[in-house]
Amino acid sequence: MAEYTTSARPYARAVFDLATQSATVDSWSDALALMTAVATDAGMQDVLDDPQLGKTQKGELMLKVIADKLDQKQQNLLRLMAENGRLRALPEVLNQFETFRAEAEGKIEAEVISAFDLSSEQEQAINEMLKSKLGRDVSITTSTDESLIGGVVIKAGDTIIDGSMKSQLESLALTLGR
């Protein structure tokens, strides 16, 4: 959904600001998740791709499916996004909304990719290091990639820490190739 990042940002920011002011962050999070689930459904994808239907019609069809689960402001968002041809940006709106929420709550998610499975002590050490470096509570998800040879790659928001052997060997190869 990277192609929708820019177009989704104003919607996500406006919705997050509204949700924060009205203390309805949880409700909006649930509503955006529901809208995203419907918009990404295979049957709804066919509807959204149908050139015979106008933008407004596509939004109204989505509303027929979920209007009873959305309040008036949430329905208005769906209508506005439909009128602007942005229904496909809903997954990215949800993603950015949740990012704004995590930032406001002082939390961040980090992905740790390592060459081998990490022990719980190693995960804890990485968590503490990231918490200290980023100044936020960190939630870690881990995965393995044997092509890294050794070390880890950590992705937390816009921060990427590449401490893998693969990266170091590539850097050395570039240096020696000069």
N, C-alpha and C. Protein backbone atom coordinates (compact mmCIF):
# COMPACT_ATOMS: atom_id res chain seq x y z
N MET A 1 0.80 -1.20 0.00
CA MET A 1 0.00 0.00 0.00
C MET A 1 0.84 1.27 0.00
N ALA A 2 2.12 1.12 -0.31
CA ALA A 2 3.00 2.28 -0.29
C ALA A 2 2.55 3.38 -1.24
N GLU A 3 1.86 3.00 -2.33
CA GLU A 3 1.43 4.02 -3.28
C GLU A 3 0.35 4.93 -2.70
N TYR A 4 -0.24 4.55 -1.59
CA TYR A 4 -1.30 5.35 -0.97
C TYR A 4 -0.83 6.13 0.26
N THR A 5 0.44 6.06 0.58
CA THR A 5 0.95 6.70 1.77
C THR A 5 0.65 8.19 1.81
N THR A 6 0.94 8.88 0.75
CA THR A 6 0.75 10.33 0.72
C THR A 6 -0.72 10.72 0.74
N SER A 7 -1.54 10.02 -0.05
CA SER A 7 -2.96 10.37 -0.10
C SER A 7 -3.69 9.99 1.18
N ALA A 8 -3.19 9.01 1.91
CA ALA A 8 -3.84 8.57 3.14
C ALA A 8 -3.53 9.47 4.33
N ARG A 9 -2.38 10.13 4.29
CA ARG A 9 -1.91 10.90 5.45
C ARG A 9 -2.91 11.96 5.94
N PRO A 10 -3.47 12.80 5.05
CA PRO A 10 -4.40 13.83 5.55
C PRO A 10 -5.66 13.22 6.19
N TYR A 11 -6.15 12.12 5.64
CA TYR A 11 -7.31 11.46 6.23
C TYR A 11 -6.96 10.90 7.61
N ALA A 12 -5.83 10.22 7.70
CA ALA A 12 -5.42 9.62 8.96
C ALA A 12 -5.19 10.69 10.03
N ARG A 13 -4.54 11.78 9.65
CA ARG A 13 -4.26 12.87 10.60
C ARG A 13 -5.56 13.50 11.08
N ALA A 14 -6.47 13.79 10.14
CA ALA A 14 -7.74 14.43 10.50
C ALA A 14 -8.57 13.52 11.40
N VAL A 15 -8.63 12.25 11.06
CA VAL A 15 -9.40 11.30 11.86
C VAL A 15 -8.78 11.15 13.24
N PHE A 16 -7.45 11.06 13.30
CA PHE A 16 -6.79 10.91 14.59
C PHE A 16 -7.02 12.14 15.47
N ASP A 17 -6.90 13.33 14.88
CA ASP A 17 -7.15 14.55 15.64
C ASP A 17 -8.58 14.60 16.17
N LEU A 18 -9.54 14.25 15.32
CA LEU A 18 -10.95 14.22 15.73
C LEU A 18 -11.17 13.20 16.83
N ALA A 19 -10.60 12.01 16.64
CA ALA A 19 -10.76 10.94 17.63
C ALA A 19 -10.14 11.31 18.97
N THR A 20 -9.01 11.99 18.94
CA THR A 20 -8.35 12.41 20.17
C THR A 20 -9.17 13.46 20.89
N GLN A 21 -9.65 14.46 20.14
CA GLN A 21 -10.45 15.53 20.74
C GLN A 21 -11.75 15.02 21.34
N SER A 22 -12.35 14.01 20.71
CA SER A 22 -13.64 13.50 21.18
C SER A 22 -13.51 12.24 22.02
N ALA A 23 -12.27 11.86 22.35
CA ALA A 23 -11.99 10.68 23.17
C ALA A 23 -12.65 9.43 22.59
N THR A 24 -12.55 9.26 21.26
CA THR A 24 -13.14 8.11 20.59
C THR A 24 -12.09 7.34 19.78
N VAL A 25 -10.87 7.32 20.26
CA VAL A 25 -9.78 6.68 19.52
C VAL A 25 -10.07 5.19 19.30
N ASP A 26 -10.53 4.49 20.32
CA ASP A 26 -10.83 3.07 20.17
C ASP A 26 -11.94 2.84 19.14
N SER A 27 -12.97 3.64 19.21
CA SER A 27 -14.10 3.51 18.28
C SER A 27 -13.64 3.74 16.84
N TRP A 28 -12.82 4.78 16.64
CA TRP A 28 -12.32 5.06 15.30
C TRP A 28 -11.39 3.95 14.82
N SER A 29 -10.58 3.42 15.69
CA SER A 29 -9.69 2.33 15.33
C SER A 29 -10.49 1.14 14.83
N ASP A 30 -11.55 0.79 15.57
CA ASP A 30 -12.42 -0.32 15.18
C ASP A 30 -13.12 -0.03 13.86
N ALA A 31 -13.61 1.20 13.69
CA ALA A 31 -14.32 1.58 12.47
C ALA A 31 -13.39 1.52 11.25
N LEU A 32 -12.17 2.03 11.40
CA LEU A 32 -11.22 1.99 10.29
C LEU A 32 -10.84 0.56 9.94
N ALA A 33 -10.71 -0.28 10.96
CA ALA A 33 -10.39 -1.69 10.72
C ALA A 33 -11.54 -2.37 9.96
N LEU A 34 -12.77 -2.06 10.33
CA LEU A 34 -13.94 -2.62 9.64
C LEU A 34 -13.99 -2.12 8.20
N MET A 35 -13.82 -0.82 7.99
CA MET A 35 -13.84 -0.27 6.63
C MET A 35 -12.75 -0.91 5.77
N THR A 36 -11.58 -1.10 6.36
CA THR A 36 -10.46 -1.71 5.64
C THR A 36 -10.77 -3.15 5.28
N ALA A 37 -11.36 -3.88 6.22
CA ALA A 37 -11.71 -5.29 5.96
C ALA A 37 -12.70 -5.39 4.80
N VAL A 38 -13.67 -4.50 4.77
CA VAL A 38 -14.66 -4.52 3.69
C VAL A 38 -14.01 -4.10 2.37
N ALA A 39 -13.20 -3.05 2.40
CA ALA A 39 -12.57 -2.54 1.18
C ALA A 39 -11.59 -3.54 0.57
N THR A 40 -11.00 -4.39 1.39
CA THR A 40 -10.02 -5.36 0.88
C THR A 40 -10.63 -6.73 0.61
N ASP A 41 -11.92 -6.89 0.87
CA ASP A 41 -12.61 -8.13 0.57
C ASP A 41 -12.59 -8.35 -0.95
N ALA A 42 -12.39 -9.58 -1.39
CA ALA A 42 -12.28 -9.87 -2.82
C ALA A 42 -13.52 -9.41 -3.59
N GLY A 43 -14.71 -9.67 -3.04
CA GLY A 43 -15.94 -9.24 -3.71
C GLY A 43 -16.04 -7.73 -3.82
N MET A 44 -15.64 -7.03 -2.75
CA MET A 44 -15.69 -5.57 -2.78
C MET A 44 -14.62 -5.02 -3.72
N GLN A 45 -13.50 -5.70 -3.83
CA GLN A 45 -12.45 -5.27 -4.76
C GLN A 45 -13.01 -5.23 -6.18
N ASP A 46 -13.82 -6.25 -6.52
CA ASP A 46 -14.45 -6.28 -7.85
C ASP A 46 -15.35 -5.06 -8.04
N VAL A 47 -16.10 -4.71 -7.00
CA VAL A 47 -16.98 -3.54 -7.07
C VAL A 47 -16.16 -2.26 -7.24
N LEU A 48 -15.09 -2.13 -6.46
CA LEU A 48 -14.26 -0.93 -6.54
C LEU A 48 -13.55 -0.80 -7.89
N ASP A 49 -13.34 -1.93 -8.56
CA ASP A 49 -12.68 -1.91 -9.87
C ASP A 49 -13.67 -1.72 -11.03
N ASP A 50 -14.97 -1.81 -10.75
CA ASP A 50 -15.99 -1.73 -11.80
C ASP A 50 -16.08 -0.31 -12.37
N PRO A 51 -15.69 -0.13 -13.64
CA PRO A 51 -15.73 1.21 -14.24
C PRO A 51 -17.16 1.71 -14.50
N GLN A 52 -18.13 0.81 -14.44
CA GLN A 52 -19.53 1.19 -14.67
C GLN A 52 -20.11 1.96 -13.48
N LEU A 53 -19.51 1.78 -12.32
CA LEU A 53 -20.01 2.43 -11.11
C LEU A 53 -19.25 3.73 -10.86
N GLY A 54 -19.98 4.75 -10.44
CA GLY A 54 -19.36 6.01 -10.08
C GLY A 54 -18.73 5.91 -8.69
N LYS A 55 -17.90 6.90 -8.35
CA LYS A 55 -17.23 6.91 -7.06
C LYS A 55 -18.23 6.92 -5.91
N THR A 56 -19.25 7.76 -6.01
CA THR A 56 -20.26 7.86 -4.95
C THR A 56 -21.01 6.54 -4.79
N GLN A 57 -21.32 5.89 -5.91
CA GLN A 57 -22.03 4.61 -5.85
C GLN A 57 -21.21 3.55 -5.11
N LYS A 58 -19.92 3.56 -5.35
CA LYS A 58 -19.04 2.59 -4.69
C LYS A 58 -19.07 2.80 -3.18
N GLY A 59 -19.03 4.06 -2.77
CA GLY A 59 -19.10 4.36 -1.33
C GLY A 59 -20.44 3.95 -0.74
N GLU A 60 -21.51 4.20 -1.46
CA GLU A 60 -22.84 3.84 -0.95
C GLU A 60 -23.00 2.32 -0.85
N LEU A 61 -22.40 1.59 -1.79
CA LEU A 61 -22.45 0.13 -1.70
C LEU A 61 -21.70 -0.37 -0.46
N MET A 62 -20.56 0.24 -0.19
CA MET A 62 -19.83 -0.14 1.03
C MET A 62 -20.65 0.19 2.26
N LEU A 63 -21.30 1.34 2.24
CA LEU A 63 -22.12 1.73 3.40
C LEU A 63 -23.29 0.79 3.61
N LYS A 64 -23.85 0.25 2.54
CA LYS A 64 -24.95 -0.71 2.69
C LYS A 64 -24.51 -1.92 3.50
N VAL A 65 -23.25 -2.25 3.38
CA VAL A 65 -22.72 -3.42 4.09
C VAL A 65 -22.45 -3.12 5.56
N ILE A 66 -21.98 -1.90 5.88
CA ILE A 66 -21.49 -1.64 7.25
C ILE A 66 -22.07 -0.41 7.93
N ALA A 67 -23.00 0.28 7.31
CA ALA A 67 -23.49 1.54 7.89
C ALA A 67 -24.02 1.38 9.31
N ASP A 68 -24.64 0.24 9.61
CA ASP A 68 -25.21 0.04 10.95
C ASP A 68 -24.13 -0.11 12.02
N LYS A 69 -22.88 -0.27 11.61
CA LYS A 69 -21.78 -0.42 12.57
C LYS A 69 -20.94 0.84 12.69
N LEU A 70 -21.31 1.89 11.94
CA LEU A 70 -20.55 3.14 11.95
C LEU A 70 -21.42 4.28 12.43
N ASP A 71 -20.80 5.23 13.17
CA ASP A 71 -21.55 6.43 13.54
C ASP A 71 -21.57 7.39 12.35
N GLN A 72 -22.25 8.50 12.50
CA GLN A 72 -22.44 9.43 11.38
C GLN A 72 -21.11 10.00 10.85
N LYS A 73 -20.20 10.34 11.75
CA LYS A 73 -18.91 10.89 11.32
C LYS A 73 -18.10 9.84 10.57
N GLN A 74 -18.17 8.61 11.01
CA GLN A 74 -17.44 7.54 10.34
C GLN A 74 -18.04 7.28 8.95
N GLN A 75 -19.36 7.34 8.85
CA GLN A 75 -20.01 7.21 7.54
C GLN A 75 -19.61 8.36 6.63
N ASN A 76 -19.53 9.56 7.20
CA ASN A 76 -19.12 10.73 6.41
C ASN A 76 -17.71 10.57 5.86
N LEU A 77 -16.81 10.01 6.67
CA LEU A 77 -15.46 9.76 6.20
C LEU A 77 -15.49 8.81 5.00
N LEU A 78 -16.26 7.75 5.11
CA LEU A 78 -16.34 6.78 4.02
C LEU A 78 -16.89 7.44 2.75
N ARG A 79 -17.91 8.27 2.91
CA ARG A 79 -18.48 8.98 1.75
C ARG A 79 -17.45 9.93 1.13
N LEU A 80 -16.74 10.67 1.97
CA LEU A 80 -15.74 11.62 1.49
C LEU A 80 -14.62 10.89 0.73
N MET A 81 -14.15 9.79 1.29
CA MET A 81 -13.09 9.04 0.62
C MET A 81 -13.59 8.47 -0.70
N ALA A 82 -14.85 8.04 -0.74
CA ALA A 82 -15.42 7.52 -1.99
C ALA A 82 -15.50 8.63 -3.03
N GLU A 83 -16.01 9.79 -2.64
CA GLU A 83 -16.14 10.92 -3.57
C GLU A 83 -14.80 11.33 -4.14
N ASN A 84 -13.74 11.18 -3.35
CA ASN A 84 -12.39 11.56 -3.79
C ASN A 84 -11.63 10.40 -4.43
N GLY A 85 -12.32 9.27 -4.60
CA GLY A 85 -11.68 8.11 -5.22
C GLY A 85 -10.56 7.52 -4.39
N ARG A 86 -10.71 7.55 -3.07
CA ARG A 86 -9.63 7.11 -2.17
C ARG A 86 -9.98 5.87 -1.34
N LEU A 87 -11.00 5.12 -1.72
CA LEU A 87 -11.37 3.95 -0.92
C LEU A 87 -10.24 2.92 -0.84
N ARG A 88 -9.44 2.84 -1.88
CA ARG A 88 -8.32 1.89 -1.87
C ARG A 88 -7.23 2.31 -0.87
N ALA A 89 -7.27 3.54 -0.41
CA ALA A 89 -6.28 4.02 0.56
C ALA A 89 -6.66 3.66 2.00
N LEU A 90 -7.83 3.06 2.20
CA LEU A 90 -8.27 2.75 3.57
C LEU A 90 -7.26 1.94 4.38
N PRO A 91 -6.64 0.89 3.83
CA PRO A 91 -5.65 0.16 4.64
C PRO A 91 -4.51 1.06 5.12
N GLU A 92 -4.06 1.97 4.28
CA GLU A 92 -2.98 2.86 4.68
C GLU A 92 -3.47 3.91 5.67
N VAL A 93 -4.73 4.35 5.55
CA VAL A 93 -5.29 5.28 6.53
C VAL A 93 -5.29 4.60 7.91
N LEU A 94 -5.72 3.35 7.95
CA LEU A 94 -5.72 2.60 9.21
C LEU A 94 -4.30 2.46 9.74
N ASN A 95 -3.36 2.11 8.88
CA ASN A 95 -1.97 1.95 9.30
C ASN A 95 -1.42 3.25 9.90
N GLN A 96 -1.63 4.36 9.23
CA GLN A 96 -1.12 5.64 9.72
C GLN A 96 -1.85 6.08 10.99
N PHE A 97 -3.15 5.83 11.06
CA PHE A 97 -3.91 6.15 12.27
C PHE A 97 -3.31 5.41 13.46
N GLU A 98 -3.04 4.13 13.28
CA GLU A 98 -2.47 3.32 14.37
C GLU A 98 -1.05 3.78 14.72
N THR A 99 -0.32 4.27 13.73
CA THR A 99 1.01 4.83 14.01
C THR A 99 0.89 6.10 14.84
N PHE A 100 -0.03 6.98 14.47
CA PHE A 100 -0.26 8.21 15.27
C PHE A 100 -0.67 7.84 16.69
N ARG A 101 -1.52 6.82 16.81
CA ARG A 101 -1.99 6.38 18.12
C ARG A 101 -0.82 5.87 18.97
N ALA A 102 0.01 5.04 18.38
CA ALA A 102 1.16 4.50 19.11
C ALA A 102 2.10 5.62 19.55
N GLU A 103 2.33 6.60 18.67
CA GLU A 103 3.19 7.73 19.03
C GLU A 103 2.60 8.51 20.19
N ALA A 104 1.30 8.75 20.14
CA ALA A 104 0.63 9.50 21.21
C ALA A 104 0.69 8.75 22.54
N GLU A 105 0.65 7.43 22.46
CA GLU A 105 0.69 6.60 23.67
C GLU A 105 2.13 6.29 24.09
N GLY A 106 3.12 6.82 23.34
CA GLY A 106 4.51 6.58 23.69
C GLY A 106 4.96 5.16 23.41
N LYS A 107 4.40 4.55 22.37
CA LYS A 107 4.74 3.17 22.03
C LYS A 107 5.25 3.12 20.60
N ILE A 108 6.02 2.07 20.32
CA ILE A 108 6.48 1.83 18.96
C ILE A 108 6.67 0.33 18.77
N GLU A 109 6.41 -0.13 17.56
CA GLU A 109 6.64 -1.54 17.23
C GLU A 109 7.96 -1.65 16.50
N ALA A 110 8.71 -2.66 16.83
CA ALA A 110 10.00 -2.90 16.19
C ALA A 110 10.04 -4.32 15.65
N GLU A 111 10.62 -4.43 14.46
CA GLU A 111 10.81 -5.74 13.86
C GLU A 111 12.29 -6.07 13.95
N VAL A 112 12.59 -7.22 14.51
CA VAL A 112 13.98 -7.66 14.65
C VAL A 112 14.16 -8.91 13.80
N ILE A 113 15.05 -8.79 12.81
CA ILE A 113 15.33 -9.91 11.92
C ILE A 113 16.75 -10.38 12.23
N SER A 114 16.87 -11.64 12.53
CA SER A 114 18.19 -12.16 12.88
C SER A 114 18.50 -13.41 12.05
N ALA A 115 19.78 -13.75 12.03
CA ALA A 115 20.20 -14.93 11.27
C ALA A 115 19.74 -16.21 11.96
N PHE A 116 19.63 -16.15 13.28
CA PHE A 116 19.23 -17.31 14.07
C PHE A 116 18.18 -16.89 15.08
N ASP A 117 17.46 -17.85 15.63
CA ASP A 117 16.47 -17.54 16.67
C ASP A 117 17.15 -16.86 17.85
N LEU A 118 16.49 -15.82 18.37
CA LEU A 118 17.03 -15.10 19.52
C LEU A 118 16.53 -15.73 20.81
N SER A 119 17.38 -15.70 21.83
CA SER A 119 16.95 -16.16 23.15
C SER A 119 16.11 -15.06 23.79
N SER A 120 15.39 -15.39 24.82
CA SER A 120 14.57 -14.39 25.49
C SER A 120 15.46 -13.31 26.11
N GLU A 121 16.68 -13.67 26.55
CA GLU A 121 17.60 -12.69 27.10
C GLU A 121 18.05 -11.70 26.02
N GLN A 122 18.32 -12.22 24.83
CA GLN A 122 18.73 -11.35 23.73
C GLN A 122 17.59 -10.40 23.33
N GLU A 123 16.37 -10.95 23.25
CA GLU A 123 15.21 -10.11 22.93
C GLU A 123 15.04 -9.01 23.98
N GLN A 124 15.20 -9.37 25.25
CA GLN A 124 15.07 -8.40 26.33
C GLN A 124 16.14 -7.31 26.23
N ALA A 125 17.36 -7.71 25.91
CA ALA A 125 18.46 -6.74 25.78
C ALA A 125 18.19 -5.78 24.62
N ILE A 126 17.71 -6.31 23.51
CA ILE A 126 17.37 -5.46 22.36
C ILE A 126 16.23 -4.52 22.72
N ASN A 127 15.23 -5.05 23.43
CA ASN A 127 14.09 -4.23 23.85
C ASN A 127 14.55 -3.08 24.74
N GLU A 128 15.42 -3.35 25.70
CA GLU A 128 15.92 -2.32 26.60
C GLU A 128 16.75 -1.27 25.85
N MET A 129 17.58 -1.74 24.91
CA MET A 129 18.40 -0.83 24.13
C MET A 129 17.51 0.10 23.29
N LEU A 130 16.49 -0.47 22.65
CA LEU A 130 15.58 0.35 21.83
C LEU A 130 14.77 1.32 22.69
N LYS A 131 14.33 0.85 23.84
CA LYS A 131 13.57 1.72 24.75
C LYS A 131 14.43 2.91 25.16
N SER A 132 15.69 2.66 25.45
CA SER A 132 16.60 3.72 25.84
C SER A 132 16.88 4.67 24.67
N LYS A 133 17.12 4.11 23.50
CA LYS A 133 17.46 4.90 22.32
C LYS A 133 16.27 5.72 21.81
N LEU A 134 15.07 5.12 21.80
CA LEU A 134 13.89 5.76 21.23
C LEU A 134 13.04 6.51 22.25
N GLY A 135 13.25 6.21 23.52
CA GLY A 135 12.49 6.89 24.56
C GLY A 135 11.02 6.52 24.58
N ARG A 136 10.70 5.30 24.16
CA ARG A 136 9.32 4.83 24.12
C ARG A 136 9.25 3.36 24.52
N ASP A 137 8.03 2.94 24.88
CA ASP A 137 7.81 1.51 25.11
C ASP A 137 7.90 0.82 23.76
N VAL A 138 8.57 -0.32 23.72
CA VAL A 138 8.81 -1.02 22.47
C VAL A 138 8.16 -2.40 22.51
N SER A 139 7.47 -2.72 21.43
CA SER A 139 6.91 -4.06 21.24
C SER A 139 7.68 -4.70 20.09
N ILE A 140 8.29 -5.84 20.37
CA ILE A 140 9.17 -6.48 19.39
C ILE A 140 8.49 -7.69 18.75
N THR A 141 8.66 -7.79 17.43
CA THR A 141 8.34 -9.02 16.71
C THR A 141 9.64 -9.50 16.09
N THR A 142 9.86 -10.80 16.12
CA THR A 142 11.12 -11.34 15.61
C THR A 142 10.87 -12.29 14.44
N SER A 143 11.86 -12.36 13.58
CA SER A 143 11.86 -13.34 12.50
C SER A 143 13.30 -13.67 12.18
N THR A 144 13.49 -14.73 11.40
CA THR A 144 14.85 -15.12 11.05
C THR A 144 15.05 -15.05 9.54
N ASP A 145 16.27 -14.76 9.15
CA ASP A 145 16.68 -14.72 7.75
C ASP A 145 18.13 -15.20 7.72
N GLU A 146 18.33 -16.45 7.33
CA GLU A 146 19.67 -17.04 7.35
C GLU A 146 20.65 -16.33 6.42
N SER A 147 20.13 -15.59 5.41
CA SER A 147 21.03 -14.89 4.49
C SER A 147 21.80 -13.76 5.17
N LEU A 148 21.39 -13.38 6.39
CA LEU A 148 22.11 -12.33 7.12
C LEU A 148 23.45 -12.83 7.64
N ILE A 149 23.64 -14.13 7.68
CA ILE A 149 24.86 -14.81 8.14
C ILE A 149 25.03 -14.70 9.65
N GLY A 150 24.92 -13.52 10.20
CA GLY A 150 25.03 -13.29 11.63
C GLY A 150 24.53 -11.89 11.93
N GLY A 151 24.30 -11.58 13.19
CA GLY A 151 23.85 -10.25 13.58
C GLY A 151 22.34 -10.08 13.41
N VAL A 152 21.90 -8.81 13.47
CA VAL A 152 20.47 -8.50 13.38
C VAL A 152 20.24 -7.24 12.55
N VAL A 153 19.02 -7.14 12.04
CA VAL A 153 18.52 -5.93 11.42
C VAL A 153 17.29 -5.53 12.22
N ILE A 154 17.25 -4.28 12.68
CA ILE A 154 16.14 -3.80 13.50
C ILE A 154 15.46 -2.66 12.76
N LYS A 155 14.13 -2.78 12.63
CA LYS A 155 13.34 -1.73 12.00
C LYS A 155 12.31 -1.25 13.02
N ALA A 156 12.39 0.02 13.38
CA ALA A 156 11.46 0.62 14.34
C ALA A 156 11.05 1.98 13.81
N GLY A 157 9.85 2.04 13.24
CA GLY A 157 9.41 3.29 12.64
C GLY A 157 10.32 3.64 11.48
N ASP A 158 10.88 4.85 11.48
CA ASP A 158 11.79 5.29 10.42
C ASP A 158 13.24 4.89 10.69
N THR A 159 13.49 4.26 11.81
CA THR A 159 14.85 3.89 12.20
C THR A 159 15.16 2.47 11.75
N ILE A 160 16.29 2.31 11.07
CA ILE A 160 16.77 0.98 10.68
C ILE A 160 18.20 0.84 11.17
N ILE A 161 18.42 -0.20 11.94
CA ILE A 161 19.75 -0.50 12.44
C ILE A 161 20.17 -1.82 11.81
N ASP A 162 21.18 -1.77 10.94
CA ASP A 162 21.62 -2.98 10.24
C ASP A 162 22.96 -3.41 10.81
N GLY A 163 22.92 -4.37 11.70
CA GLY A 163 24.13 -4.91 12.31
C GLY A 163 24.40 -6.32 11.81
N SER A 164 23.97 -6.61 10.58
CA SER A 164 24.14 -7.97 10.05
C SER A 164 25.53 -8.16 9.44
N MET A 165 25.99 -9.39 9.47
CA MET A 165 27.27 -9.73 8.84
C MET A 165 27.18 -9.51 7.33
N LYS A 166 26.05 -9.81 6.75
CA LYS A 166 25.85 -9.62 5.32
C LYS A 166 26.12 -8.17 4.94
N SER A 167 25.55 -7.24 5.69
CA SER A 167 25.74 -5.81 5.42
C SER A 167 27.20 -5.41 5.58
N GLN A 168 27.84 -5.93 6.62
CA GLN A 168 29.25 -5.59 6.85
C GLN A 168 30.15 -6.14 5.75
N LEU A 169 29.83 -7.36 5.25
CA LEU A 169 30.62 -7.93 4.17
C LEU A 169 30.40 -7.16 2.86
N GLU A 170 29.17 -6.73 2.61
CA GLU A 170 28.89 -5.92 1.42
C GLU A 170 29.64 -4.60 1.47
N SER A 171 29.66 -3.99 2.66
CA SER A 171 30.39 -2.73 2.84
C SER A 171 31.88 -2.92 2.62
N LEU A 172 32.42 -4.02 3.15
CA LEU A 172 33.84 -4.32 2.97
C LEU A 172 34.15 -4.55 1.48
N ALA A 173 33.28 -5.25 0.79
CA ALA A 173 33.47 -5.50 -0.64
C ALA A 173 33.48 -4.22 -1.43
N LEU A 174 32.62 -3.27 -1.06
CA LEU A 174 32.60 -1.98 -1.73
C LEU A 174 33.89 -1.21 -1.47
N THR A 175 34.36 -1.26 -0.24
CA THR A 175 35.59 -0.56 0.13
C THR A 175 36.80 -1.16 -0.62
N LEU A 176 36.88 -2.46 -0.69
CA LEU A 176 38.00 -3.12 -1.36
C LEU A 176 37.93 -2.94 -2.86
N GLY A 177 36.75 -2.75 -3.39
CA GLY A 177 36.56 -2.59 -4.83
C GLY A 177 36.98 -1.23 -5.35
N ARG A 178 37.28 -0.31 -4.47
CA ARG A 178 37.66 1.06 -4.88
C ARG A 178 39.06 1.13 -5.38
